[in-house]
Every structure is written in C-alpha cells, then in structure tokens.
C-alpha cells in the first residue's frame, strides 16, 4: 500500500502547500483549509511533526550548497528523499516563492485529461489545425506522448479546454497546487496565437519549487484518488532516461527573461528522490532553458544523491 504521508503534507503544511492564491474568486473555497493549516502552524522551522494515525513523521529541511552546479546562474533546487522523509534546499527563499509553472504544468494537464476521459492513453491524438508553428515537431497530429516530449502548447490547450474550468479547478484544489488561480483561463497573451497561451504560462497560476515536489510525491508516492492506470500512463510519458543511479522521470519548462524549470523524480529499487530545479536569471537569459535546468538536476542527482 502506498504511504499516506504525502497526503498529510499536502493538506497541512502551510509553507509547502495551500492554494495560497490571493484572487478573491478562489479565496472562499479555501478558507476552511487555511483555518486548519493555521491550527497546525506551530511546527519547528527545521522540521514539521505530523501525526499520522498511530505514528509521527518528522519532515526535515536541510540547507545545502549546490552553487557549483549552477555555475553562476541564479536559481534554486529542492530535493526530497522519500525513504528518509528529508528535504534538501538550495536557495530556500526561492524554493518557497510561487512563480509560473510554465510547461511543467503539462504533468497536471495530462493527468487531468486522462482522469476526465479526454485522453485514453499515451497514444491519444489531438488534431493539428494546419497553422505553421515555429517548432517543426508541432506541425502535425500528435499523440499524448509526442506532445509531452515536444512540450506542444496547442495540444495541451485543447486538453484543458475539453476538461473545462470547473474540473481543472477542482483538481487543483484537491492536490493543493500552488495558488490554484485559473482566473486568467486564456492566459496573458505571452504568445501571439491564442492556442499558445494559458493560465499556466506567465499568467495567473503560480506554484513554488517546494510545492512542485509535494505535488509529484502526492501523485507517485502516496495514496490518492487517481486511477492507478492513469498514473502509470503519466509516469510512462515522463520517462526520460536510465541513469547510473536510477530511472529519470520529469518535465522541463522554459519561459521568457531567463526563467526555466526541470521537475521530476529519480527511482531506484523502492525509493524515489523528487526534485525541482528553478532558474531565474535575466542577466544570463541566453543560457537559461529547461534543458539547462535538466543538466543541473542530473549533475546534482549523480553527485549528491
């Protein structure tokens, strides 16, 4: 049976979770949860004691120095070792600051599509409109796996529109995904074409790197209400490579002005190490990308874990 600690952490930890959105449209829905979180707010800064039925789990934050791996690029890193229930944080303040999830949100939108029967499996296809996009791999009908691997925005724009605002918002509240704010459903015109915009792209939805890790642990490391088959499909499309110390799963995300993500986990035997790398460096924006964040993550995982 999967461990329940992920659920408890997701529901109770003020610093980590909570749909902490300031948009008034969503505040009323979350008021009860915030009151419960406040009641649990007397945790030690270095560790949060959480009662789970007949046992106590202590979640510890270790402050680490990963600066050598970032090579002068401003950013942060969160690592969570499931077996030891321990977080390692580089750049703690940034680790807890909510920002746009960018294309890492495709993890959630893929699962939402599967859970709401918009997508059946990794071969489910969305039809290409014929518009000539600057990314050649987007210019054809794509399967879920292909769209995830190429980070095709128009594909997932179709998916979230078919799932619908009500279902997307309900799922975000269930998993306590960042500020849960989808009020700018159509996005903020980051791109010139409407099908290349969305609330998850430099718009209303925001999440911290630490919350990203909590979400992944909730999906793959604890009991939840999602279909086991759908989670397995999600895991399959997230698979990237086999490394010396385990199987790597994840999703990149690249934004404007030097912002980028790589989030995921590495799995070996019965343990998973969840991680989130976030880069935010306007001065070095020419070298900042999702692939750069992935490179940093792999270096840390190979040498520190």
C-alpha atoms as a PDB file:
ATOM      1  CA  UNK A   1       0.000   0.000   0.000  1.00  0.00           C
ATOM      2  CA  UNK A   2       1.270   3.465  -0.804  1.00  0.00           C
ATOM      3  CA  UNK A   3       2.348   5.691   2.064  1.00  0.00           C
ATOM      4  CA  UNK A   4      -0.074   8.329   3.319  1.00  0.00           C
ATOM      5  CA  UNK A   5       2.471  10.944   4.361  1.00  0.00           C
ATOM      6  CA  UNK A   6       2.218  12.784   1.047  1.00  0.00           C
ATOM      7  CA  UNK A   7      -1.467  13.468   1.609  1.00  0.00           C
ATOM      8  CA  UNK A   8      -0.894  14.798   5.094  1.00  0.00           C
ATOM      9  CA  UNK A   9       1.960  17.029   3.977  1.00  0.00           C
ATOM     10  CA  UNK A  10      -0.087  18.336   1.074  1.00  0.00           C
ATOM     11  CA  UNK A  11      -3.095  19.138   3.208  1.00  0.00           C
ATOM     12  CA  UNK A  12      -1.474  20.555   6.332  1.00  0.00           C
ATOM     13  CA  UNK A  13       1.849  22.210   5.608  1.00  0.00           C
ATOM     14  CA  UNK A  14       1.429  25.976   5.369  1.00  0.00           C
ATOM     15  CA  UNK A  15       4.865  26.641   3.959  1.00  0.00           C
ATOM     16  CA  UNK A  16       4.594  23.949   1.329  1.00  0.00           C
ATOM     17  CA  UNK A  17       1.005  23.951   0.083  1.00  0.00           C
ATOM     18  CA  UNK A  18      -2.356  25.536   0.269  1.00  0.00           C
ATOM     19  CA  UNK A  19      -3.801  27.078  -2.924  1.00  0.00           C
ATOM     20  CA  UNK A  20      -2.354  30.280  -1.469  1.00  0.00           C
ATOM     21  CA  UNK A  21      -3.947  32.362  -4.150  1.00  0.00           C
ATOM     22  CA  UNK A  22      -4.905  35.952  -3.364  1.00  0.00           C
ATOM     23  CA  UNK A  23      -7.530  36.143  -6.101  1.00  0.00           C
ATOM     24  CA  UNK A  24     -10.846  36.684  -4.348  1.00  0.00           C
ATOM     25  CA  UNK A  25     -12.681  34.342  -6.700  1.00  0.00           C
ATOM     26  CA  UNK A  26     -10.964  31.359  -5.127  1.00  0.00           C
ATOM     27  CA  UNK A  27     -10.431  32.568  -1.531  1.00  0.00           C
ATOM     28  CA  UNK A  28     -13.790  31.462  -0.152  1.00  0.00           C
ATOM     29  CA  UNK A  29     -13.299  27.888  -1.378  1.00  0.00           C
ATOM     30  CA  UNK A  30     -10.049  27.630   0.550  1.00  0.00           C
ATOM     31  CA  UNK A  31     -10.909  29.423   3.827  1.00  0.00           C
ATOM     32  CA  UNK A  32     -11.622  26.240   5.800  1.00  0.00           C
ATOM     33  CA  UNK A  33      -8.365  24.665   4.625  1.00  0.00           C
ATOM     34  CA  UNK A  34      -6.427  27.752   5.694  1.00  0.00           C
ATOM     35  CA  UNK A  35      -8.012  27.674   9.162  1.00  0.00           C
ATOM     36  CA  UNK A  36      -6.949  24.047   9.518  1.00  0.00           C
ATOM     37  CA  UNK A  37      -3.467  24.921   8.353  1.00  0.00           C
ATOM     38  CA  UNK A  38      -3.232  27.745  10.897  1.00  0.00           C
ATOM     39  CA  UNK A  39      -4.184  25.347  13.675  1.00  0.00           C
ATOM     40  CA  UNK A  40      -1.258  23.162  12.641  1.00  0.00           C
ATOM     41  CA  UNK A  41       1.169  26.080  12.375  1.00  0.00           C
ATOM     42  CA  UNK A  42       3.280  25.560  15.473  1.00  0.00           C
ATOM     43  CA  UNK A  43       5.899  23.428  13.766  1.00  0.00           C
ATOM     44  CA  UNK A  44       9.618  23.797  14.265  1.00  0.00           C
ATOM     45  CA  UNK A  45      11.373  25.638  11.420  1.00  0.00           C
ATOM     46  CA  UNK A  46      13.783  22.750  10.893  1.00  0.00           C
ATOM     47  CA  UNK A  47      11.131  20.046  10.951  1.00  0.00           C
ATOM     48  CA  UNK A  48       7.373  19.617  10.895  1.00  0.00           C
ATOM     49  CA  UNK A  49       5.888  16.958  13.151  1.00  0.00           C
ATOM     50  CA  UNK A  50       2.826  15.443  11.554  1.00  0.00           C
ATOM     51  CA  UNK A  51       0.611  12.952  13.333  1.00  0.00           C
ATOM     52  CA  UNK A  52      -0.493  10.067  11.151  1.00  0.00           C
ATOM     53  CA  UNK A  53      -2.828   7.626  12.848  1.00  0.00           C
ATOM     54  CA  UNK A  54      -0.526   5.852  15.342  1.00  0.00           C
ATOM     55  CA  UNK A  55       2.845   7.272  14.225  1.00  0.00           C
ATOM     56  CA  UNK A  56       4.722  10.557  13.999  1.00  0.00           C
ATOM     57  CA  UNK A  57       6.641  11.614  10.880  1.00  0.00           C
ATOM     58  CA  UNK A  58       9.200  14.414  11.062  1.00  0.00           C
ATOM     59  CA  UNK A  59       9.937  16.253   7.826  1.00  0.00           C
ATOM     60  CA  UNK A  60      13.363  17.865   7.935  1.00  0.00           C
ATOM     61  CA  UNK A  61      14.696  20.715   5.804  1.00  0.00           C
ATOM     62  CA  UNK A  62      18.439  20.595   5.176  1.00  0.00           C
ATOM     63  CA  UNK A  63      20.029  23.725   3.741  1.00  0.00           C
ATOM     64  CA  UNK A  64      22.670  22.738   1.177  1.00  0.00           C
ATOM     65  CA  UNK A  65      25.126  24.461  -1.156  1.00  0.00           C
ATOM     66  CA  UNK A  66      24.682  23.433  -4.789  1.00  0.00           C
ATOM     67  CA  UNK A  67      26.192  26.640  -6.175  1.00  0.00           C
ATOM     68  CA  UNK A  68      28.936  24.810  -8.088  1.00  0.00           C
ATOM     69  CA  UNK A  69      26.299  23.040 -10.188  1.00  0.00           C
ATOM     70  CA  UNK A  70      24.540  26.305 -11.095  1.00  0.00           C
ATOM     71  CA  UNK A  71      27.773  27.820 -12.494  1.00  0.00           C
ATOM     72  CA  UNK A  72      26.815  31.397 -11.648  1.00  0.00           C
ATOM     73  CA  UNK A  73      23.171  31.101 -12.777  1.00  0.00           C
ATOM     74  CA  UNK A  74      20.639  32.365 -10.244  1.00  0.00           C
ATOM     75  CA  UNK A  75      18.169  29.737  -9.159  1.00  0.00           C
ATOM     76  CA  UNK A  76      17.234  27.157  -6.564  1.00  0.00           C
ATOM     77  CA  UNK A  77      16.917  23.425  -6.028  1.00  0.00           C
ATOM     78  CA  UNK A  78      14.643  21.198  -3.966  1.00  0.00           C
ATOM     79  CA  UNK A  79      15.416  17.532  -3.389  1.00  0.00           C
ATOM     80  CA  UNK A  80      13.119  15.258  -1.389  1.00  0.00           C
ATOM     81  CA  UNK A  81      14.257  11.786  -0.320  1.00  0.00           C
ATOM     82  CA  UNK A  82      11.131   9.699   0.174  1.00  0.00           C
ATOM     83  CA  UNK A  83      12.811   6.997   2.268  1.00  0.00           C
ATOM     84  CA  UNK A  84      14.325   9.404   4.813  1.00  0.00           C
ATOM     85  CA  UNK A  85      11.492  11.952   4.579  1.00  0.00           C
ATOM     86  CA  UNK A  86      14.076  14.712   4.148  1.00  0.00           C
ATOM     87  CA  UNK A  87      14.221  17.865   2.043  1.00  0.00           C
ATOM     88  CA  UNK A  88      17.460  19.400   0.787  1.00  0.00           C
ATOM     89  CA  UNK A  89      17.066  23.046  -0.210  1.00  0.00           C
ATOM     90  CA  UNK A  90      19.443  25.260  -2.138  1.00  0.00           C
ATOM     91  CA  UNK A  91      18.208  28.868  -2.151  1.00  0.00           C
ATOM     92  CA  UNK A  92      15.499  28.366   0.473  1.00  0.00           C
ATOM     93  CA  UNK A  93      13.711  31.666  -0.145  1.00  0.00           C
ATOM     94  CA  UNK A  94      13.346  30.973  -3.862  1.00  0.00           C
ATOM     95  CA  UNK A  95      12.301  27.385  -3.103  1.00  0.00           C
ATOM     96  CA  UNK A  96       9.224  28.716  -1.290  1.00  0.00           C
ATOM     97  CA  UNK A  97       8.304  31.536  -3.681  1.00  0.00           C
ATOM     98  CA  UNK A  98       5.382  30.927  -6.057  1.00  0.00           C
ATOM     99  CA  UNK A  99       6.036  31.533  -9.750  1.00  0.00           C
ATOM    100  CA  UNK A 100       4.528  30.419 -13.059  1.00  0.00           C
ATOM    101  CA  UNK A 101       4.819  26.641 -13.568  1.00  0.00           C
ATOM    102  CA  UNK A 102       5.280  27.141 -17.329  1.00  0.00           C
ATOM    103  CA  UNK A 103       5.319  23.844 -19.216  1.00  0.00           C
ATOM    104  CA  UNK A 104       5.822  21.735 -16.084  1.00  0.00           C
ATOM    105  CA  UNK A 105       2.042  22.121 -15.749  1.00  0.00           C
ATOM    106  CA  UNK A 106       1.720  19.615 -18.587  1.00  0.00           C
ATOM    107  CA  UNK A 107       2.209  16.941 -15.912  1.00  0.00           C
ATOM    108  CA  UNK A 108      -1.039  18.033 -14.277  1.00  0.00           C
ATOM    109  CA  UNK A 109      -2.943  18.739 -17.500  1.00  0.00           C
ATOM    110  CA  UNK A 110      -2.017  15.300 -18.875  1.00  0.00           C
ATOM    111  CA  UNK A 111      -3.374  13.621 -15.743  1.00  0.00           C
ATOM    112  CA  UNK A 112      -6.479  15.834 -15.832  1.00  0.00           C
ATOM    113  CA  UNK A 113      -7.091  14.748 -19.425  1.00  0.00           C
ATOM    114  CA  UNK A 114      -6.729  11.084 -18.503  1.00  0.00           C
ATOM    115  CA  UNK A 115      -8.901  11.354 -15.391  1.00  0.00           C
ATOM    116  CA  UNK A 116     -11.691  13.158 -17.274  1.00  0.00           C
ATOM    117  CA  UNK A 117     -11.663  10.791 -20.269  1.00  0.00           C
ATOM    118  CA  UNK A 118     -10.446  13.462 -22.660  1.00  0.00           C
ATOM    119  CA  UNK A 119      -7.354  11.294 -23.142  1.00  0.00           C
ATOM    120  CA  UNK A 120      -7.379   7.500 -23.095  1.00  0.00           C
ATOM    121  CA  UNK A 121      -3.668   6.745 -23.012  1.00  0.00           C
ATOM    122  CA  UNK A 122      -0.304   7.950 -24.292  1.00  0.00           C
ATOM    123  CA  UNK A 123      -1.371   7.322 -27.911  1.00  0.00           C
ATOM    124  CA  UNK A 124      -4.405   9.659 -27.708  1.00  0.00           C
ATOM    125  CA  UNK A 125      -4.250  12.164 -30.567  1.00  0.00           C
ATOM    126  CA  UNK A 126      -5.269  15.808 -30.912  1.00  0.00           C
ATOM    127  CA  UNK A 127      -5.785  17.191 -34.393  1.00  0.00           C
ATOM    128  CA  UNK A 128      -3.387  19.722 -35.853  1.00  0.00           C
ATOM    129  CA  UNK A 129      -5.108  22.847 -37.215  1.00  0.00           C
ATOM    130  CA  UNK A 130      -2.720  23.463 -40.088  1.00  0.00           C
ATOM    131  CA  UNK A 131      -1.154  26.609 -38.603  1.00  0.00           C
ATOM    132  CA  UNK A 132       2.577  26.789 -39.278  1.00  0.00           C
ATOM    133  CA  UNK A 133       4.314  26.880 -35.881  1.00  0.00           C
ATOM    134  CA  UNK A 134       7.985  27.824 -35.404  1.00  0.00           C
ATOM    135  CA  UNK A 135       8.625  24.446 -33.740  1.00  0.00           C
ATOM    136  CA  UNK A 136       8.503  21.901 -36.578  1.00  0.00           C
ATOM    137  CA  UNK A 137       7.546  18.972 -34.341  1.00  0.00           C
ATOM    138  CA  UNK A 138       4.257  20.739 -33.524  1.00  0.00           C
ATOM    139  CA  UNK A 139       3.126  20.840 -37.162  1.00  0.00           C
ATOM    140  CA  UNK A 140       1.192  17.556 -37.347  1.00  0.00           C
ATOM    141  CA  UNK A 141      -1.302  15.458 -35.437  1.00  0.00           C
ATOM    142  CA  UNK A 142       0.366  14.441 -32.162  1.00  0.00           C
ATOM    143  CA  UNK A 143      -0.103  11.704 -29.597  1.00  0.00           C
ATOM    144  CA  UNK A 144      -0.028  12.498 -25.877  1.00  0.00           C
ATOM    145  CA  UNK A 145       3.492  11.082 -25.593  1.00  0.00           C
ATOM    146  CA  UNK A 146       4.722  13.114 -28.577  1.00  0.00           C
ATOM    147  CA  UNK A 147       3.058  16.303 -27.328  1.00  0.00           C
ATOM    148  CA  UNK A 148       4.551  15.834 -23.854  1.00  0.00           C
ATOM    149  CA  UNK A 149       8.038  15.172 -25.188  1.00  0.00           C
ATOM    150  CA  UNK A 150       7.934  18.179 -27.543  1.00  0.00           C
ATOM    151  CA  UNK A 151       6.095  20.341 -24.971  1.00  0.00           C
ATOM    152  CA  UNK A 152       3.419  21.211 -27.540  1.00  0.00           C
ATOM    153  CA  UNK A 153       1.319  24.053 -26.157  1.00  0.00           C
ATOM    154  CA  UNK A 154      -1.590  23.831 -28.640  1.00  0.00           C
ATOM    155  CA  UNK A 155      -2.122  20.146 -27.773  1.00  0.00           C
ATOM    156  CA  UNK A 156      -2.480  20.822 -24.054  1.00  0.00           C
ATOM    157  CA  UNK A 157      -4.527  23.958 -24.718  1.00  0.00           C
ATOM    158  CA  UNK A 158      -7.060  21.641 -26.367  1.00  0.00           C
ATOM    159  CA  UNK A 159      -6.855  19.191 -23.469  1.00  0.00           C
ATOM    160  CA  UNK A 160      -7.527  21.751 -20.707  1.00  0.00           C
ATOM    161  CA  UNK A 161     -10.349  23.357 -22.721  1.00  0.00           C
ATOM    162  CA  UNK A 162     -12.013  19.962 -23.146  1.00  0.00           C
ATOM    163  CA  UNK A 163     -11.579  19.128 -19.459  1.00  0.00           C
ATOM    164  CA  UNK A 164     -13.085  22.520 -18.606  1.00  0.00           C
ATOM    165  CA  UNK A 165     -12.521  25.202 -15.978  1.00  0.00           C
ATOM    166  CA  UNK A 166     -14.644  23.573 -13.289  1.00  0.00           C
ATOM    167  CA  UNK A 167     -12.868  20.220 -13.469  1.00  0.00           C
ATOM    168  CA  UNK A 168      -9.413  21.758 -13.707  1.00  0.00           C
ATOM    169  CA  UNK A 169     -10.047  23.980 -10.695  1.00  0.00           C
ATOM    170  CA  UNK A 170     -11.491  21.073  -8.690  1.00  0.00           C
ATOM    171  CA  UNK A 171      -8.365  19.012  -9.397  1.00  0.00           C
ATOM    172  CA  UNK A 172      -6.026  21.849  -8.440  1.00  0.00           C
ATOM    173  CA  UNK A 173      -7.865  22.274  -5.136  1.00  0.00           C
ATOM    174  CA  UNK A 174      -7.725  18.526  -4.495  1.00  0.00           C
ATOM    175  CA  UNK A 175      -3.955  18.401  -4.950  1.00  0.00           C
ATOM    176  CA  UNK A 176      -3.454  21.900  -3.434  1.00  0.00           C
ATOM    177  CA  UNK A 177      -1.451  23.055  -6.453  1.00  0.00           C
ATOM    178  CA  UNK A 178       0.145  26.413  -5.645  1.00  0.00           C
ATOM    179  CA  UNK A 179      -2.323  29.286  -5.652  1.00  0.00           C
ATOM    180  CA  UNK A 180      -4.918  27.297  -7.687  1.00  0.00           C
ATOM    181  CA  UNK A 181      -5.645  30.502  -9.626  1.00  0.00           C
ATOM    182  CA  UNK A 182      -7.025  29.809 -13.121  1.00  0.00           C
ATOM    183  CA  UNK A 183      -8.850  33.146 -13.323  1.00  0.00           C
ATOM    184  CA  UNK A 184      -6.843  34.112 -16.428  1.00  0.00           C
ATOM    185  CA  UNK A 185      -8.044  30.971 -18.217  1.00  0.00           C
ATOM    186  CA  UNK A 186      -6.992  32.155 -21.668  1.00  0.00           C
ATOM    187  CA  UNK A 187      -3.622  33.387 -20.447  1.00  0.00           C
ATOM    188  CA  UNK A 188      -1.902  36.744 -20.593  1.00  0.00           C
ATOM    189  CA  UNK A 189      -1.048  36.929 -24.309  1.00  0.00           C
ATOM    190  CA  UNK A 190       2.517  35.794 -23.725  1.00  0.00           C
ATOM    191  CA  UNK A 191       2.401  34.448 -27.279  1.00  0.00           C
ATOM    192  CA  UNK A 192       0.746  35.980 -30.338  1.00  0.00           C
ATOM    193  CA  UNK A 193      -1.524  32.999 -31.055  1.00  0.00           C
ATOM    194  CA  UNK A 194      -4.367  32.266 -28.597  1.00  0.00           C
ATOM    195  CA  UNK A 195      -3.768  28.499 -28.717  1.00  0.00           C
ATOM    196  CA  UNK A 196      -0.247  29.094 -27.413  1.00  0.00           C
ATOM    197  CA  UNK A 197      -1.416  30.846 -24.244  1.00  0.00           C
ATOM    198  CA  UNK A 198      -2.869  29.667 -20.959  1.00  0.00           C
ATOM    199  CA  UNK A 199      -3.253  30.392 -17.256  1.00  0.00           C
ATOM    200  CA  UNK A 200      -0.134  28.271 -16.606  1.00  0.00           C
ATOM    201  CA  UNK A 201       2.155  30.356 -18.870  1.00  0.00           C
ATOM    202  CA  UNK A 202       3.352  33.560 -17.170  1.00  0.00           C
ATOM    203  CA  UNK A 203      -0.234  34.161 -16.058  1.00  0.00           C
ATOM    204  CA  UNK A 204      -2.471  33.686 -13.003  1.00  0.00           C
ATOM    205  CA  UNK A 205      -1.415  30.182 -11.869  1.00  0.00           C
ATOM    206  CA  UNK A 206       1.695  30.034  -9.680  1.00  0.00           C
ATOM    207  CA  UNK A 207       3.469  27.385  -7.617  1.00  0.00           C
ATOM    208  CA  UNK A 208       6.716  27.218  -5.649  1.00  0.00           C
ATOM    209  CA  UNK A 209       9.518  24.724  -6.345  1.00  0.00           C
ATOM    210  CA  UNK A 210       8.856  23.063  -2.994  1.00  0.00           C
ATOM    211  CA  UNK A 211       5.152  22.734  -3.830  1.00  0.00           C
ATOM    212  CA  UNK A 212       6.102  21.154  -7.156  1.00  0.00           C
ATOM    213  CA  UNK A 213       7.931  18.418  -5.265  1.00  0.00           C
ATOM    214  CA  UNK A 214       5.000  17.909  -2.894  1.00  0.00           C
ATOM    215  CA  UNK A 215       2.652  17.525  -5.877  1.00  0.00           C
ATOM    216  CA  UNK A 216       4.853  14.893  -7.504  1.00  0.00           C
ATOM    217  CA  UNK A 217       5.136  12.987  -4.228  1.00  0.00           C
ATOM    218  CA  UNK A 218       1.347  13.109  -3.908  1.00  0.00           C
ATOM    219  CA  UNK A 219       0.935  11.616  -7.389  1.00  0.00           C
ATOM    220  CA  UNK A 220       3.593   8.914  -7.197  1.00  0.00           C
ATOM    221  CA  UNK A 221       4.402   8.344  -3.536  1.00  0.00           C
ATOM    222  CA  UNK A 222       1.157   8.296  -1.580  1.00  0.00           C
ATOM    223  CA  UNK A 223      -2.433   7.180  -1.605  1.00  0.00           C
ATOM    224  CA  UNK A 224      -4.724   9.375  -3.690  1.00  0.00           C
ATOM    225  CA  UNK A 225      -7.984   9.190  -5.583  1.00  0.00           C
ATOM    226  CA  UNK A 226      -6.478   8.978  -9.056  1.00  0.00           C
ATOM    227  CA  UNK A 227      -6.608   5.918 -11.266  1.00  0.00           C
ATOM    228  CA  UNK A 228      -3.557   3.672 -10.933  1.00  0.00           C
ATOM    229  CA  UNK A 229      -3.656   3.072 -14.688  1.00  0.00           C
ATOM    230  CA  UNK A 230      -3.721   6.795 -15.412  1.00  0.00           C
ATOM    231  CA  UNK A 231      -0.802   7.440 -13.078  1.00  0.00           C
ATOM    232  CA  UNK A 232       1.115   4.688 -14.849  1.00  0.00           C
ATOM    233  CA  UNK A 233       0.401   6.344 -18.220  1.00  0.00           C
ATOM    234  CA  UNK A 234       1.614   9.646 -16.794  1.00  0.00           C
ATOM    235  CA  UNK A 235       4.763   8.016 -15.455  1.00  0.00           C
ATOM    236  CA  UNK A 236       5.447   6.439 -18.846  1.00  0.00           C
ATOM    237  CA  UNK A 237       5.293   9.735 -20.733  1.00  0.00           C
ATOM    238  CA  UNK A 238       7.507  11.364 -18.086  1.00  0.00           C
ATOM    239  CA  UNK A 239      10.292   8.806 -18.517  1.00  0.00           C
ATOM    240  CA  UNK A 240      13.457  10.460 -19.838  1.00  0.00           C
ATOM    241  CA  UNK A 241      16.456   8.174 -19.369  1.00  0.00           C
ATOM    242  CA  UNK A 242      18.149   5.414 -17.397  1.00  0.00           C
ATOM    243  CA  UNK A 243      20.952   6.840 -15.271  1.00  0.00           C
ATOM    244  CA  UNK A 244      23.572   5.003 -13.247  1.00  0.00           C
ATOM    245  CA  UNK A 245      21.641   5.674 -10.046  1.00  0.00           C
ATOM    246  CA  UNK A 246      18.119   5.054 -11.308  1.00  0.00           C
ATOM    247  CA  UNK A 247      15.338   5.809 -13.798  1.00  0.00           C
ATOM    248  CA  UNK A 248      14.817   9.513 -14.501  1.00  0.00           C
ATOM    249  CA  UNK A 249      11.336  10.998 -14.962  1.00  0.00           C
ATOM    250  CA  UNK A 250      10.498  14.654 -15.448  1.00  0.00           C
ATOM    251  CA  UNK A 251       9.319  17.673 -17.400  1.00  0.00           C
ATOM    252  CA  UNK A 252      11.099  20.831 -18.434  1.00  0.00           C
ATOM    253  CA  UNK A 253       9.622  24.307 -18.722  1.00  0.00           C
ATOM    254  CA  UNK A 254      11.071  27.422 -20.335  1.00  0.00           C
ATOM    255  CA  UNK A 255       9.823  30.965 -20.052  1.00  0.00           C
ATOM    256  CA  UNK A 256      10.897  34.442 -21.029  1.00  0.00           C
ATOM    257  CA  UNK A 257      13.570  36.618 -19.440  1.00  0.00           C
ATOM    258  CA  UNK A 258      15.720  33.798 -18.075  1.00  0.00           C
ATOM    259  CA  UNK A 259      13.121  31.596 -16.350  1.00  0.00           C
ATOM    260  CA  UNK A 260      13.189  27.809 -16.589  1.00  0.00           C
ATOM    261  CA  UNK A 261      12.224  24.609 -14.750  1.00  0.00           C
ATOM    262  CA  UNK A 262      13.006  20.939 -14.543  1.00  0.00           C
ATOM    263  CA  UNK A 263      10.888  18.883 -12.143  1.00  0.00           C
ATOM    264  CA  UNK A 264      10.533  15.164 -11.642  1.00  0.00           C
ATOM    265  CA  UNK A 265      11.980  12.222  -9.746  1.00  0.00           C
ATOM    266  CA  UNK A 266      14.587   9.503  -9.958  1.00  0.00           C
ATOM    267  CA  UNK A 267      13.565   5.985  -8.964  1.00  0.00           C
ATOM    268  CA  UNK A 268      15.777   3.130  -7.841  1.00  0.00           C
ATOM    269  CA  UNK A 269      14.572  -0.007  -6.090  1.00  0.00           C
ATOM    270  CA  UNK A 270      11.890   1.044  -3.606  1.00  0.00           C
ATOM    271  CA  UNK A 271      12.931   4.679  -3.208  1.00  0.00           C
ATOM    272  CA  UNK A 272      12.281   7.890  -5.118  1.00  0.00           C
ATOM    273  CA  UNK A 273      14.116  11.198  -4.980  1.00  0.00           C
ATOM    274  CA  UNK A 274      11.789  14.019  -6.058  1.00  0.00           C
ATOM    275  CA  UNK A 275      13.282  17.276  -7.283  1.00  0.00           C
ATOM    276  CA  UNK A 276      12.575  20.718  -8.682  1.00  0.00           C
ATOM    277  CA  UNK A 277      15.170  22.983 -10.276  1.00  0.00           C
ATOM    278  CA  UNK A 278      14.095  26.563 -10.967  1.00  0.00           C
ATOM    279  CA  UNK A 279      16.252  29.136 -12.771  1.00  0.00           C
ATOM    280  CA  UNK A 280      15.532  32.868 -12.770  1.00  0.00           C
ATOM    281  CA  UNK A 281      18.361  34.912 -14.229  1.00  0.00           C
ATOM    282  CA  UNK A 282      17.661  37.797 -16.586  1.00  0.00           C
ATOM    283  CA  UNK A 283      21.351  38.595 -16.992  1.00  0.00           C
ATOM    284  CA  UNK A 284      22.153  35.056 -18.163  1.00  0.00           C
ATOM    285  CA  UNK A 285      18.931  34.526 -20.092  1.00  0.00           C
ATOM    286  CA  UNK A 286      20.818  33.393 -23.224  1.00  0.00           C
ATOM    287  CA  UNK A 287      21.948  30.210 -21.457  1.00  0.00           C
ATOM    288  CA  UNK A 288      18.857  29.630 -19.306  1.00  0.00           C
ATOM    289  CA  UNK A 289      16.441  26.964 -20.556  1.00  0.00           C
ATOM    290  CA  UNK A 290      14.585  23.894 -19.441  1.00  0.00           C
ATOM    291  CA  UNK A 291      17.410  21.795 -20.821  1.00  0.00           C
ATOM    292  CA  UNK A 292      19.918  23.763 -18.723  1.00  0.00           C
ATOM    293  CA  UNK A 293      17.790  23.124 -15.630  1.00  0.00           C
ATOM    294  CA  UNK A 294      17.720  19.415 -16.544  1.00  0.00           C
ATOM    295  CA  UNK A 295      21.503  19.390 -16.919  1.00  0.00           C
ATOM    296  CA  UNK A 296      21.884  20.912 -13.444  1.00  0.00           C
ATOM    297  CA  UNK A 297      19.447  18.403 -11.949  1.00  0.00           C
ATOM    298  CA  UNK A 298      21.239  15.417 -13.435  1.00  0.00           C
ATOM    299  CA  UNK A 299      24.581  16.689 -12.136  1.00  0.00           C
ATOM    300  CA  UNK A 300      23.200  17.058  -8.623  1.00  0.00           C
ATOM    301  CA  UNK A 301      21.483  13.672  -8.716  1.00  0.00           C
ATOM    302  CA  UNK A 302      24.638  11.994  -9.999  1.00  0.00           C
ATOM    303  CA  UNK A 303      26.992  13.529  -7.451  1.00  0.00           C
ATOM    304  CA  UNK A 304      24.970  14.335  -4.330  1.00  0.00           C
ATOM    305  CA  UNK A 305      22.243  11.722  -4.071  1.00  0.00           C
END
